[in-house]
Amino acid sequence: MLSATGLRSIEVTSFVSPKWVPQMADNSQVFQQIDKRDDVSYPVLVPNLKGLESAIAAGVKEIAVFGAASEAFSKANTNCSIEESVKNFRAVVEEAQKHSIRTRGYVSCIVGCPYEGETKPATTAHLASIMLDLGCYEISLGDTIGVGSPKKIRSVLNELRHVSSNDMSYYALHCHDTYGQALVNIHAGLEDGIKVFDSSVAGLGGCPYAAGASGNVATEDLLYFLQGQGLETDIDLDKIVEIGNYISKQLGRANHSKTGVAILAKKSRQKC
């Protein structure tokens, strides 16, 4: 359904161990059974070489690797230190390159960690530098627990300018909306030259290793905001709203998108 909205990149699933994340046990079936379009990328998250092996077997053409700017979160999320996680994703990226698989990098907890509190921008910059040197085409900067503010986001981005020689096209923002700050943080990113933003339809998601963290910013809210800024995305907002409503009903949960709820309410009134 999302493939028919104008989106150009849709992260489908994660090839993680079902022992640790049982929700992703159907990763191969999901990836292989969805209808794919030639003009859409379908990356998957890969934590290690075993996950990459499964992804290759499923026919994956693009992957994402990840590290965290926090020792405690890295150990909770991947059961290894930052240094060990670098060794792991280095091996994954190098093997993926042998199979002509594109790689995107994720850095989690760029401004704060549920275990350590505030994180240092220099740690984020260090991880991003390693990922870029390995050949990742883009680094997604994750405010995983949604504690960021525009000032903190700008502090991280300023540090990253030194890594990429002031070229911000290598970076994307991934903002969770735990404290309702996702859109203002995205606005700060826009002003600092970021042009790619991760989002999740209906605000689905969260993190199994960050209790209380809400989902990624809702795609509906992000699109409405970007349109309000006069930016063209070529994505059909009405279709996204319909999908958000559909999946929320399927999951038996509330739609976390304020835009989606407002548009659906407006249409309901118009029908009456």
C-alpha atoms as a PDB file:
ATOM      1  CA  MET A   1       0.000   0.000   0.000  1.00  0.00           C
ATOM      2  CA  LEU A   2       2.809   2.413   0.866  1.00  0.00           C
ATOM      3  CA  SER A   3       4.514   1.706  -2.463  1.00  0.00           C
ATOM      4  CA  ALA A   4       1.594   3.333  -4.284  1.00  0.00           C
ATOM      5  CA  THR A   5       1.821   6.675  -2.426  1.00  0.00           C
ATOM      6  CA  GLY A   6       4.895   8.191  -4.060  1.00  0.00           C
ATOM      7  CA  LEU A   7       7.340   7.195  -1.323  1.00  0.00           C
ATOM      8  CA  ARG A   8      10.751   6.339  -2.762  1.00  0.00           C
ATOM      9  CA  SER A   9      12.244   4.402   0.152  1.00  0.00           C
ATOM     10  CA  ILE A  10      10.370   2.056   2.501  1.00  0.00           C
ATOM     11  CA  GLU A  11      12.193   0.145   5.212  1.00  0.00           C
ATOM     12  CA  VAL A  12      10.391  -3.172   5.181  1.00  0.00           C
ATOM     13  CA  THR A  13      11.619  -5.188   8.154  1.00  0.00           C
ATOM     14  CA  SER A  14      14.611  -6.175  10.273  1.00  0.00           C
ATOM     15  CA  PHE A  15      16.651  -9.352   9.861  1.00  0.00           C
ATOM     16  CA  VAL A  16      17.277  -9.668  13.577  1.00  0.00           C
ATOM     17  CA  SER A  17      17.160 -12.762  15.753  1.00  0.00           C
ATOM     18  CA  PRO A  18      13.565 -13.839  16.529  1.00  0.00           C
ATOM     19  CA  LYS A  19      14.863 -14.829  19.947  1.00  0.00           C
ATOM     20  CA  TRP A  20      15.469 -11.168  20.821  1.00  0.00           C
ATOM     21  CA  VAL A  21      12.778  -9.502  18.680  1.00  0.00           C
ATOM     22  CA  PRO A  22      10.018 -12.069  18.047  1.00  0.00           C
ATOM     23  CA  GLN A  23       7.897  -9.497  16.164  1.00  0.00           C
ATOM     24  CA  MET A  24      10.391  -9.745  13.279  1.00  0.00           C
ATOM     25  CA  ALA A  25      10.348 -13.544  12.949  1.00  0.00           C
ATOM     26  CA  ASP A  26       8.426 -13.232   9.649  1.00  0.00           C
ATOM     27  CA  ASN A  27      11.005 -10.924   8.028  1.00  0.00           C
ATOM     28  CA  SER A  28      11.751 -13.096   4.984  1.00  0.00           C
ATOM     29  CA  GLN A  29       8.083 -13.786   4.255  1.00  0.00           C
ATOM     30  CA  VAL A  30       7.149 -10.116   4.507  1.00  0.00           C
ATOM     31  CA  PHE A  31       9.987  -8.977   2.265  1.00  0.00           C
ATOM     32  CA  GLN A  32       9.338 -11.611  -0.385  1.00  0.00           C
ATOM     33  CA  GLN A  33       5.550 -11.301  -0.465  1.00  0.00           C
ATOM     34  CA  ILE A  34       5.059  -7.534  -0.763  1.00  0.00           C
ATOM     35  CA  ASP A  35       4.443  -6.043  -4.216  1.00  0.00           C
ATOM     36  CA  LYS A  36       7.573  -4.102  -5.157  1.00  0.00           C
ATOM     37  CA  ARG A  37       7.934  -1.234  -7.619  1.00  0.00           C
ATOM     38  CA  ASP A  38      11.041  -0.594  -9.695  1.00  0.00           C
ATOM     39  CA  ASP A  39      11.208   3.056  -8.620  1.00  0.00           C
ATOM     40  CA  VAL A  40      11.088   2.311  -4.870  1.00  0.00           C
ATOM     41  CA  SER A  41      13.926   1.136  -2.608  1.00  0.00           C
ATOM     42  CA  TYR A  42      13.126  -1.500   0.030  1.00  0.00           C
ATOM     43  CA  PRO A  43      15.942  -1.514   2.609  1.00  0.00           C
ATOM     44  CA  VAL A  44      15.998  -3.799   5.643  1.00  0.00           C
ATOM     45  CA  LEU A  45      17.803  -3.506   8.966  1.00  0.00           C
ATOM     46  CA  VAL A  46      20.706  -5.958   9.415  1.00  0.00           C
ATOM     47  CA  PRO A  47      22.543  -6.329  12.767  1.00  0.00           C
ATOM     48  CA  ASN A  48      25.205  -8.907  11.878  1.00  0.00           C
ATOM     49  CA  LEU A  49      26.548 -11.291   9.240  1.00  0.00           C
ATOM     50  CA  LYS A  50      23.917 -13.922  10.017  1.00  0.00           C
ATOM     51  CA  GLY A  51      21.196 -11.338   9.407  1.00  0.00           C
ATOM     52  CA  LEU A  52      22.888 -10.292   6.166  1.00  0.00           C
ATOM     53  CA  GLU A  53      23.012 -13.909   5.002  1.00  0.00           C
ATOM     54  CA  SER A  54      19.254 -14.230   5.561  1.00  0.00           C
ATOM     55  CA  ALA A  55      18.622 -10.897   3.820  1.00  0.00           C
ATOM     56  CA  ILE A  56      20.637 -11.927   0.764  1.00  0.00           C
ATOM     57  CA  ALA A  57      18.713 -15.207   0.589  1.00  0.00           C
ATOM     58  CA  ALA A  58      15.469 -13.209   0.596  1.00  0.00           C
ATOM     59  CA  GLY A  59      16.658 -11.087  -2.348  1.00  0.00           C
ATOM     60  CA  VAL A  60      17.372  -7.834  -0.489  1.00  0.00           C
ATOM     61  CA  LYS A  61      19.131  -5.083  -2.516  1.00  0.00           C
ATOM     62  CA  GLU A  62      19.696  -2.521   0.235  1.00  0.00           C
ATOM     63  CA  ILE A  63      20.439  -2.781   3.943  1.00  0.00           C
ATOM     64  CA  ALA A  64      20.886  -0.539   6.971  1.00  0.00           C
ATOM     65  CA  VAL A  65      23.498  -1.104   9.670  1.00  0.00           C
ATOM     66  CA  PHE A  66      23.455   0.589  13.051  1.00  0.00           C
ATOM     67  CA  GLY A  67      25.446   1.689  16.046  1.00  0.00           C
ATOM     68  CA  ALA A  68      24.652   3.753  19.144  1.00  0.00           C
ATOM     69  CA  ALA A  69      26.324   6.868  20.562  1.00  0.00           C
ATOM     70  CA  SER A  70      25.987   5.329  24.032  1.00  0.00           C
ATOM     71  CA  GLU A  71      27.875   2.412  25.543  1.00  0.00           C
ATOM     72  CA  ALA A  72      24.954   1.352  27.758  1.00  0.00           C
ATOM     73  CA  PHE A  73      22.400   1.459  24.934  1.00  0.00           C
ATOM     74  CA  SER A  74      24.768  -0.397  22.615  1.00  0.00           C
ATOM     75  CA  LYS A  75      25.089  -3.192  25.168  1.00  0.00           C
ATOM     76  CA  ALA A  76      21.322  -3.320  25.762  1.00  0.00           C
ATOM     77  CA  ASN A  77      20.416  -3.169  22.068  1.00  0.00           C
ATOM     78  CA  THR A  78      23.137  -5.322  20.498  1.00  0.00           C
ATOM     79  CA  ASN A  79      24.845  -6.948  23.493  1.00  0.00           C
ATOM     80  CA  CYS A  80      28.203  -5.370  22.646  1.00  0.00           C
ATOM     81  CA  SER A  81      30.241  -2.230  23.249  1.00  0.00           C
ATOM     82  CA  ILE A  82      30.480   0.621  20.738  1.00  0.00           C
ATOM     83  CA  GLU A  83      33.889  -0.650  19.634  1.00  0.00           C
ATOM     84  CA  GLU A  84      32.543  -4.178  19.172  1.00  0.00           C
ATOM     85  CA  SER A  85      29.514  -2.856  17.265  1.00  0.00           C
ATOM     86  CA  VAL A  86      31.875  -1.048  14.876  1.00  0.00           C
ATOM     87  CA  LYS A  87      33.636  -4.369  14.159  1.00  0.00           C
ATOM     88  CA  ASN A  88      30.260  -6.015  13.567  1.00  0.00           C
ATOM     89  CA  PHE A  89      28.831  -3.473  11.156  1.00  0.00           C
ATOM     90  CA  ARG A  90      32.191  -3.111   9.383  1.00  0.00           C
ATOM     91  CA  ALA A  91      32.080  -6.830   8.574  1.00  0.00           C
ATOM     92  CA  VAL A  92      28.455  -6.520   7.394  1.00  0.00           C
ATOM     93  CA  VAL A  93      29.158  -3.533   5.121  1.00  0.00           C
ATOM     94  CA  GLU A  94      32.236  -5.147   3.572  1.00  0.00           C
ATOM     95  CA  GLU A  95      30.354  -8.377   2.873  1.00  0.00           C
ATOM     96  CA  ALA A  96      27.355  -6.479   1.481  1.00  0.00           C
ATOM     97  CA  GLN A  97      29.633  -4.630  -0.950  1.00  0.00           C
ATOM     98  CA  LYS A  98      30.752  -7.983  -2.377  1.00  0.00           C
ATOM     99  CA  HIS A  99      27.113  -8.574  -3.341  1.00  0.00           C
ATOM    100  CA  SER A 100      26.565  -5.016  -4.702  1.00  0.00           C
ATOM    101  CA  ILE A 101      24.143  -4.251  -1.873  1.00  0.00           C
ATOM    102  CA  ARG A 102      23.752  -0.572  -0.955  1.00  0.00           C
ATOM    103  CA  THR A 103      24.193   0.307   2.716  1.00  0.00           C
ATOM    104  CA  ARG A 104      22.731   3.047   4.877  1.00  0.00           C
ATOM    105  CA  GLY A 105      24.020   3.736   8.377  1.00  0.00           C
ATOM    106  CA  TYR A 106      22.054   4.484  11.551  1.00  0.00           C
ATOM    107  CA  VAL A 107      23.422   6.157  14.660  1.00  0.00           C
ATOM    108  CA  SER A 108      21.039   5.787  17.632  1.00  0.00           C
ATOM    109  CA  CYS A 109      20.737   7.992  20.721  1.00  0.00           C
ATOM    110  CA  ILE A 110      22.378  11.029  19.104  1.00  0.00           C
ATOM    111  CA  VAL A 111      21.308  13.395  21.901  1.00  0.00           C
ATOM    112  CA  GLY A 112      20.210  11.163  24.771  1.00  0.00           C
ATOM    113  CA  CYS A 113      20.182   7.603  26.114  1.00  0.00           C
ATOM    114  CA  PRO A 114      17.663   5.971  28.501  1.00  0.00           C
ATOM    115  CA  TYR A 115      20.545   4.618  30.591  1.00  0.00           C
ATOM    116  CA  GLU A 116      23.301   7.243  30.447  1.00  0.00           C
ATOM    117  CA  GLY A 117      21.384  10.484  29.918  1.00  0.00           C
ATOM    118  CA  GLU A 118      22.849  13.063  27.531  1.00  0.00           C
ATOM    119  CA  THR A 119      25.237  11.815  24.847  1.00  0.00           C
ATOM    120  CA  LYS A 120      28.184  13.649  23.340  1.00  0.00           C
ATOM    121  CA  PRO A 121      27.941  15.002  19.759  1.00  0.00           C
ATOM    122  CA  ALA A 122      31.552  13.906  19.234  1.00  0.00           C
ATOM    123  CA  THR A 123      30.570  10.255  19.718  1.00  0.00           C
ATOM    124  CA  THR A 124      27.858  10.572  17.059  1.00  0.00           C
ATOM    125  CA  ALA A 125      30.333  12.254  14.716  1.00  0.00           C
ATOM    126  CA  HIS A 126      32.894   9.495  15.304  1.00  0.00           C
ATOM    127  CA  LEU A 127      30.414   6.740  14.377  1.00  0.00           C
ATOM    128  CA  ALA A 128      29.113   8.673  11.367  1.00  0.00           C
ATOM    129  CA  SER A 129      32.676   9.191  10.134  1.00  0.00           C
ATOM    130  CA  ILE A 130      33.410   5.461  10.322  1.00  0.00           C
ATOM    131  CA  MET A 131      30.193   4.598   8.458  1.00  0.00           C
ATOM    132  CA  LEU A 132      30.876   7.115   5.705  1.00  0.00           C
ATOM    133  CA  ASP A 133      34.448   5.870   5.314  1.00  0.00           C
ATOM    134  CA  LEU A 134      33.100   2.328   4.945  1.00  0.00           C
ATOM    135  CA  GLY A 135      30.910   3.455   2.053  1.00  0.00           C
ATOM    136  CA  CYS A 136      27.474   4.043   3.594  1.00  0.00           C
ATOM    137  CA  TYR A 137      25.678   6.386   1.202  1.00  0.00           C
ATOM    138  CA  GLU A 138      23.736   8.118   3.985  1.00  0.00           C
ATOM    139  CA  ILE A 139      23.737   8.312   7.787  1.00  0.00           C
ATOM    140  CA  SER A 140      20.407   8.460   9.612  1.00  0.00           C
ATOM    141  CA  LEU A 141      20.731  10.347  12.905  1.00  0.00           C
ATOM    142  CA  GLY A 142      18.318   8.896  15.439  1.00  0.00           C
ATOM    143  CA  ASP A 143      16.863  10.721  18.418  1.00  0.00           C
ATOM    144  CA  THR A 144      15.800   7.277  19.584  1.00  0.00           C
ATOM    145  CA  ILE A 145      14.047   8.264  22.807  1.00  0.00           C
ATOM    146  CA  GLY A 146      12.748  11.626  21.585  1.00  0.00           C
ATOM    147  CA  VAL A 147      14.546  13.829  24.124  1.00  0.00           C
ATOM    148  CA  GLY A 148      16.056  16.170  21.546  1.00  0.00           C
ATOM    149  CA  SER A 149      15.402  19.885  21.186  1.00  0.00           C
ATOM    150  CA  PRO A 150      16.370  22.185  18.292  1.00  0.00           C
ATOM    151  CA  LYS A 151      19.414  23.423  20.210  1.00  0.00           C
ATOM    152  CA  LYS A 152      20.642  19.870  20.858  1.00  0.00           C
ATOM    153  CA  ILE A 153      19.977  18.776  17.266  1.00  0.00           C
ATOM    154  CA  ARG A 154      21.923  21.761  15.920  1.00  0.00           C
ATOM    155  CA  SER A 155      24.799  20.935  18.252  1.00  0.00           C
ATOM    156  CA  VAL A 156      25.035  17.439  16.750  1.00  0.00           C
ATOM    157  CA  LEU A 157      24.733  18.723  13.176  1.00  0.00           C
ATOM    158  CA  ASN A 158      27.448  21.329  13.760  1.00  0.00           C
ATOM    159  CA  GLU A 159      29.783  18.554  14.910  1.00  0.00           C
ATOM    160  CA  LEU A 160      28.941  16.507  11.817  1.00  0.00           C
ATOM    161  CA  ARG A 161      29.832  19.361   9.455  1.00  0.00           C
ATOM    162  CA  HIS A 162      33.494  18.701  10.238  1.00  0.00           C
ATOM    163  CA  VAL A 163      33.076  15.043   9.247  1.00  0.00           C
ATOM    164  CA  SER A 164      31.559  15.705   5.821  1.00  0.00           C
ATOM    165  CA  SER A 165      33.391  18.924   4.872  1.00  0.00           C
ATOM    166  CA  ASN A 166      30.192  20.930   5.385  1.00  0.00           C
ATOM    167  CA  ASP A 167      28.200  18.696   2.980  1.00  0.00           C
ATOM    168  CA  MET A 168      24.973  17.856   4.829  1.00  0.00           C
ATOM    169  CA  SER A 169      23.565  15.737   1.984  1.00  0.00           C
ATOM    170  CA  TYR A 170      25.095  12.671   3.652  1.00  0.00           C
ATOM    171  CA  TYR A 171      22.748  12.925   6.639  1.00  0.00           C
ATOM    172  CA  ALA A 172      19.104  12.234   7.462  1.00  0.00           C
ATOM    173  CA  LEU A 173      17.152  12.862  10.672  1.00  0.00           C
ATOM    174  CA  HIS A 174      15.183  10.168  12.487  1.00  0.00           C
ATOM    175  CA  CYS A 175      13.112  11.868  15.203  1.00  0.00           C
ATOM    176  CA  HIS A 176      10.898  10.088  17.700  1.00  0.00           C
ATOM    177  CA  ASP A 177       8.060  12.144  19.141  1.00  0.00           C
ATOM    178  CA  THR A 178       8.085  11.141  22.819  1.00  0.00           C
ATOM    179  CA  TYR A 179       7.929  14.743  24.063  1.00  0.00           C
ATOM    180  CA  GLY A 180       6.210  16.234  21.017  1.00  0.00           C
ATOM    181  CA  GLN A 181       9.463  17.728  19.707  1.00  0.00           C
ATOM    182  CA  ALA A 182       9.894  15.780  16.466  1.00  0.00           C
ATOM    183  CA  LEU A 183       8.593  18.447  14.078  1.00  0.00           C
ATOM    184  CA  VAL A 184      10.463  21.342  15.674  1.00  0.00           C
ATOM    185  CA  ASN A 185      13.629  19.248  15.557  1.00  0.00           C
ATOM    186  CA  ILE A 186      12.956  18.471  11.894  1.00  0.00           C
ATOM    187  CA  HIS A 187      12.518  22.194  11.264  1.00  0.00           C
ATOM    188  CA  ALA A 188      15.921  22.793  12.858  1.00  0.00           C
ATOM    189  CA  GLY A 189      17.370  20.108  10.583  1.00  0.00           C
ATOM    190  CA  LEU A 190      15.816  21.725   7.507  1.00  0.00           C
ATOM    191  CA  GLU A 191      17.381  25.052   8.413  1.00  0.00           C
ATOM    192  CA  ASP A 192      20.752  23.331   8.766  1.00  0.00           C
ATOM    193  CA  GLY A 193      20.568  21.688   5.326  1.00  0.00           C
ATOM    194  CA  ILE A 194      19.030  18.280   6.044  1.00  0.00           C
ATOM    195  CA  LYS A 195      16.732  17.134   3.227  1.00  0.00           C
ATOM    196  CA  VAL A 196      15.885  13.541   4.221  1.00  0.00           C
ATOM    197  CA  PHE A 197      13.691  12.600   7.193  1.00  0.00           C
ATOM    198  CA  ASP A 198      12.647   9.174   8.431  1.00  0.00           C
ATOM    199  CA  SER A 199       9.041   8.727   9.498  1.00  0.00           C
ATOM    200  CA  SER A 200       6.492   6.022  10.273  1.00  0.00           C
ATOM    201  CA  VAL A 201       2.905   5.859   9.059  1.00  0.00           C
ATOM    202  CA  ALA A 202       0.482   6.600  11.930  1.00  0.00           C
ATOM    203  CA  GLY A 203       3.499   7.087  14.215  1.00  0.00           C
ATOM    204  CA  LEU A 204       4.022   3.338  14.604  1.00  0.00           C
ATOM    205  CA  GLY A 205       7.095   2.024  16.346  1.00  0.00           C
ATOM    206  CA  GLY A 206       9.173   2.643  19.419  1.00  0.00           C
ATOM    207  CA  CYS A 207      12.158   0.708  20.726  1.00  0.00           C
ATOM    208  CA  PRO A 208      12.139  -2.517  22.764  1.00  0.00           C
ATOM    209  CA  TYR A 209      15.251  -1.320  24.620  1.00  0.00           C
ATOM    210  CA  ALA A 210      14.004   2.183  25.430  1.00  0.00           C
ATOM    211  CA  ALA A 211      10.973   1.889  27.676  1.00  0.00           C
ATOM    212  CA  GLY A 212       8.518   4.755  27.249  1.00  0.00           C
ATOM    213  CA  ALA A 213       9.879   5.959  23.913  1.00  0.00           C
ATOM    214  CA  SER A 214       7.141   6.668  21.390  1.00  0.00           C
ATOM    215  CA  GLY A 215       7.238   5.859  17.693  1.00  0.00           C
ATOM    216  CA  ASN A 216       8.994   7.717  14.936  1.00  0.00           C
ATOM    217  CA  VAL A 217       7.334  10.962  13.811  1.00  0.00           C
ATOM    218  CA  ALA A 218       4.120  10.172  11.916  1.00  0.00           C
ATOM    219  CA  THR A 219       4.496  10.318   8.128  1.00  0.00           C
ATOM    220  CA  GLU A 220       1.185  12.172   7.908  1.00  0.00           C
ATOM    221  CA  ASP A 221       2.361  14.905  10.289  1.00  0.00           C
ATOM    222  CA  LEU A 222       5.718  15.206   8.530  1.00  0.00           C
ATOM    223  CA  LEU A 223       4.077  15.570   5.099  1.00  0.00           C
ATOM    224  CA  TYR A 224       1.612  18.181   6.349  1.00  0.00           C
ATOM    225  CA  PHE A 225       4.474  20.152   7.903  1.00  0.00           C
ATOM    226  CA  LEU A 226       6.625  19.997   4.753  1.00  0.00           C
ATOM    227  CA  GLN A 227       3.705  21.081   2.575  1.00  0.00           C
ATOM    228  CA  GLY A 228       3.146  24.010   4.929  1.00  0.00           C
ATOM    229  CA  GLN A 229       6.778  24.998   4.380  1.00  0.00           C
ATOM    230  CA  GLY A 230       6.128  25.086   0.615  1.00  0.00           C
ATOM    231  CA  LEU A 231       8.201  21.967  -0.040  1.00  0.00           C
ATOM    232  CA  GLU A 232       7.192  19.451  -2.697  1.00  0.00           C
ATOM    233  CA  THR A 233       7.445  15.746  -1.830  1.00  0.00           C
ATOM    234  CA  ASP A 234       5.388  14.100  -4.615  1.00  0.00           C
ATOM    235  CA  ILE A 235       3.793  11.913  -1.925  1.00  0.00           C
ATOM    236  CA  ASP A 236       0.005  11.536  -1.708  1.00  0.00           C
ATOM    237  CA  LEU A 237      -0.953  12.672   1.806  1.00  0.00           C
ATOM    238  CA  ASP A 238      -4.556  11.430   1.511  1.00  0.00           C
ATOM    239  CA  LYS A 239      -3.359   7.917   0.642  1.00  0.00           C
ATOM    240  CA  ILE A 240      -0.939   7.956   3.567  1.00  0.00           C
ATOM    241  CA  VAL A 241      -3.790   8.975   5.896  1.00  0.00           C
ATOM    242  CA  GLU A 242      -5.937   6.098   4.631  1.00  0.00           C
ATOM    243  CA  ILE A 243      -3.082   3.640   5.219  1.00  0.00           C
ATOM    244  CA  GLY A 244      -2.468   5.031   8.704  1.00  0.00           C
ATOM    245  CA  ASN A 245      -6.118   4.549   9.559  1.00  0.00           C
ATOM    246  CA  TYR A 246      -6.113   1.029   8.085  1.00  0.00           C
ATOM    247  CA  ILE A 247      -3.048  -0.202   9.983  1.00  0.00           C
ATOM    248  CA  SER A 248      -4.184   1.399  13.246  1.00  0.00           C
ATOM    249  CA  LYS A 249      -7.476  -0.496  12.994  1.00  0.00           C
ATOM    250  CA  GLN A 250      -5.638  -3.729  12.151  1.00  0.00           C
ATOM    251  CA  LEU A 251      -3.483  -3.334  15.249  1.00  0.00           C
ATOM    252  CA  GLY A 252      -6.381  -2.237  17.445  1.00  0.00           C
ATOM    253  CA  ARG A 253      -4.615   0.930  18.530  1.00  0.00           C
ATOM    254  CA  ALA A 254      -5.062   4.668  18.241  1.00  0.00           C
ATOM    255  CA  ASN A 255      -3.646   6.530  15.255  1.00  0.00           C
ATOM    256  CA  HIS A 256      -0.848   8.673  16.699  1.00  0.00           C
ATOM    257  CA  SER A 257      -0.901  11.111  13.775  1.00  0.00           C
ATOM    258  CA  LYS A 258      -2.687  14.366  14.623  1.00  0.00           C
ATOM    259  CA  THR A 259      -2.877  15.218  10.918  1.00  0.00           C
ATOM    260  CA  GLY A 260      -4.348  11.839  10.004  1.00  0.00           C
ATOM    261  CA  VAL A 261      -6.997  12.039  12.708  1.00  0.00           C
ATOM    262  CA  ALA A 262      -7.915  15.621  11.725  1.00  0.00           C
ATOM    263  CA  ILE A 263      -8.225  14.812   8.002  1.00  0.00           C
ATOM    264  CA  LEU A 264     -10.349  11.745   8.688  1.00  0.00           C
ATOM    265  CA  ALA A 265     -12.617  13.763  10.996  1.00  0.00           C
ATOM    266  CA  LYS A 266     -13.001  16.457   8.344  1.00  0.00           C
ATOM    267  CA  LYS A 267     -13.934  13.898   5.680  1.00  0.00           C
ATOM    268  CA  SER A 268     -16.426  12.311   8.073  1.00  0.00           C
ATOM    269  CA  ARG A 269     -18.137  15.679   8.650  1.00  0.00           C
ATOM    270  CA  GLN A 270     -18.239  16.344   4.907  1.00  0.00           C
ATOM    271  CA  LYS A 271     -20.006  13.010   4.325  1.00  0.00           C
ATOM    272  CA  CYS A 272     -22.596  13.904   6.926  1.00  0.00           C
END
